[in-house]
Amino acid sequence: MPGIDFRRRSVRLPLRIAIIFSGTDAAHEAFHENTETLDIGKFGAKVLTSRKLKIGSQVSVRRANSNKTETFRVVHVGEPDPQTRKTPVGLEMSAIEDFWGQSFPTDSW
């Protein structure tokens, strides 16, 4: 679409990382869910959830193998998978830090 820049701020790595995902869903119910990432980047991730979330809502992500927790903002909500009933959601990190413990390729933009 003209005038819209669809480029990401960083390269995404297709890594499945076990996480504990928590927050308040679209029905205003608190949740705490063990799930995983589909991909990660310097500034965010795509994760799977069984909860309905609203764009703009704040969630917490804790890496299952550490005590590292970060606040994220929901920036995209995909379509639920009819078999698993899990929905991919795009998350943006509130703070810029090395949350994932990964090296990322140099951006190519």
Protein backbone atom coordinates (compact mmCIF):
# COMPACT_ATOMS: atom_id res chain seq x y z
CA MET A 1 0.00 0.00 0.00
CA PRO A 2 1.40 3.42 -0.87
CA GLY A 3 2.65 5.47 2.04
CA ILE A 4 2.87 2.53 4.48
CA ASP A 5 6.23 1.12 5.50
CA PHE A 6 5.88 -2.59 6.31
CA ARG A 7 9.56 -3.17 7.13
CA ARG A 8 10.42 -4.49 10.56
CA ARG A 9 12.89 -2.70 12.81
CA SER A 10 14.95 -5.87 13.13
CA VAL A 11 15.41 -9.33 11.68
CA ARG A 12 13.20 -12.07 13.12
CA LEU A 13 14.63 -15.47 14.06
CA PRO A 14 12.30 -18.49 13.85
CA LEU A 15 12.91 -19.81 17.37
CA ARG A 16 10.56 -21.65 19.67
CA ILE A 17 11.28 -20.57 23.22
CA ALA A 18 9.18 -21.74 26.18
CA ILE A 19 7.60 -18.76 27.97
CA ILE A 20 5.13 -17.97 30.73
CA PHE A 21 2.69 -15.45 29.30
CA SER A 22 0.38 -13.40 31.56
CA GLY A 23 -1.89 -10.40 31.55
CA THR A 24 -5.56 -9.53 31.15
CA ASP A 25 -7.48 -10.82 28.14
CA ALA A 26 -10.18 -9.13 26.02
CA ALA A 27 -12.86 -10.33 28.51
CA HIS A 28 -10.93 -8.54 31.31
CA GLU A 29 -9.95 -11.87 32.89
CA ALA A 30 -6.46 -12.34 34.29
CA PHE A 31 -4.51 -15.21 32.73
CA HIS A 32 -1.24 -17.07 33.22
CA GLU A 33 -0.31 -19.42 30.37
CA ASN A 34 2.62 -21.69 29.52
CA THR A 35 3.25 -21.31 25.78
CA GLU A 36 6.04 -20.63 23.28
CA THR A 37 7.35 -18.13 20.77
CA LEU A 38 7.12 -18.72 17.03
CA ASP A 39 9.81 -16.16 16.26
CA ILE A 40 11.78 -13.49 18.09
CA GLY A 41 13.44 -10.18 17.26
CA LYS A 42 15.39 -7.47 19.10
CA PHE A 43 12.19 -5.53 19.67
CA GLY A 44 9.54 -8.22 20.04
CA ALA A 45 8.19 -11.65 19.23
CA LYS A 46 5.33 -13.65 17.86
CA VAL A 47 3.78 -16.01 20.43
CA LEU A 48 0.92 -18.49 20.54
CA THR A 49 -1.91 -17.99 23.03
CA SER A 50 -5.25 -19.59 23.79
CA ARG A 51 -6.58 -16.23 25.04
CA LYS A 52 -8.30 -13.47 23.07
CA LEU A 53 -6.23 -10.30 23.35
CA LYS A 54 -6.76 -6.70 22.27
CA ILE A 55 -4.22 -4.71 20.29
CA GLY A 56 -2.56 -2.21 22.61
CA SER A 57 -2.94 -4.30 25.76
CA GLN A 58 0.07 -4.89 28.03
CA VAL A 59 1.26 -8.43 28.80
CA SER A 60 4.18 -9.94 30.69
CA VAL A 61 6.50 -12.55 29.25
CA ARG A 62 8.87 -14.62 31.36
CA ARG A 63 11.38 -16.95 29.76
CA ALA A 64 10.63 -20.38 31.23
CA ASN A 65 14.32 -21.21 31.73
CA SER A 66 15.12 -17.99 33.62
CA ASN A 67 13.67 -15.40 35.95
CA LYS A 68 13.87 -12.73 33.25
CA THR A 69 10.51 -10.99 32.76
CA GLU A 70 9.63 -8.16 30.38
CA THR A 71 6.51 -6.13 29.61
CA PHE A 72 5.27 -6.23 26.02
CA ARG A 73 2.49 -4.51 24.09
CA VAL A 74 0.19 -6.49 21.77
CA VAL A 75 0.64 -5.03 18.26
CA HIS A 76 -0.97 -7.75 16.11
CA VAL A 77 -3.60 -10.45 16.62
CA GLY A 78 -3.74 -13.19 14.00
CA GLU A 79 -6.40 -15.74 13.18
CA PRO A 80 -6.80 -18.71 15.56
CA ASP A 81 -5.75 -22.12 14.29
CA PRO A 82 -8.98 -24.19 14.00
CA GLN A 83 -7.27 -27.34 15.28
CA THR A 84 -5.23 -26.02 18.21
CA ARG A 85 -7.44 -22.96 18.90
CA LYS A 86 -4.25 -21.02 19.55
CA THR A 87 -3.82 -17.53 18.12
CA PRO A 88 -0.51 -16.01 17.00
CA VAL A 89 0.00 -12.55 18.48
CA GLY A 90 2.70 -10.02 17.70
CA LEU A 91 4.35 -8.38 20.69
CA GLU A 92 6.54 -5.30 20.99
CA MET A 93 8.95 -4.91 23.90
CA SER A 94 8.44 -1.93 26.19
CA ALA A 95 12.16 -1.64 27.00
CA ILE A 96 15.03 -2.29 24.65
CA GLU A 97 17.36 -4.86 26.18
CA ASP A 98 18.80 -8.29 25.55
CA PHE A 99 15.72 -10.16 26.78
CA TRP A 100 16.07 -13.21 24.54
CA GLY A 101 19.80 -13.82 25.07
CA GLN A 102 20.30 -14.23 21.30
CA SER A 103 22.54 -12.62 18.72
CA PHE A 104 20.63 -11.17 15.80
CA PRO A 105 21.92 -10.70 12.24
CA THR A 106 22.68 -7.15 11.15
CA ASP A 107 19.61 -5.47 9.72
CA SER A 108 19.64 -5.32 5.94
CA TRP A 109 17.46 -2.24 5.39
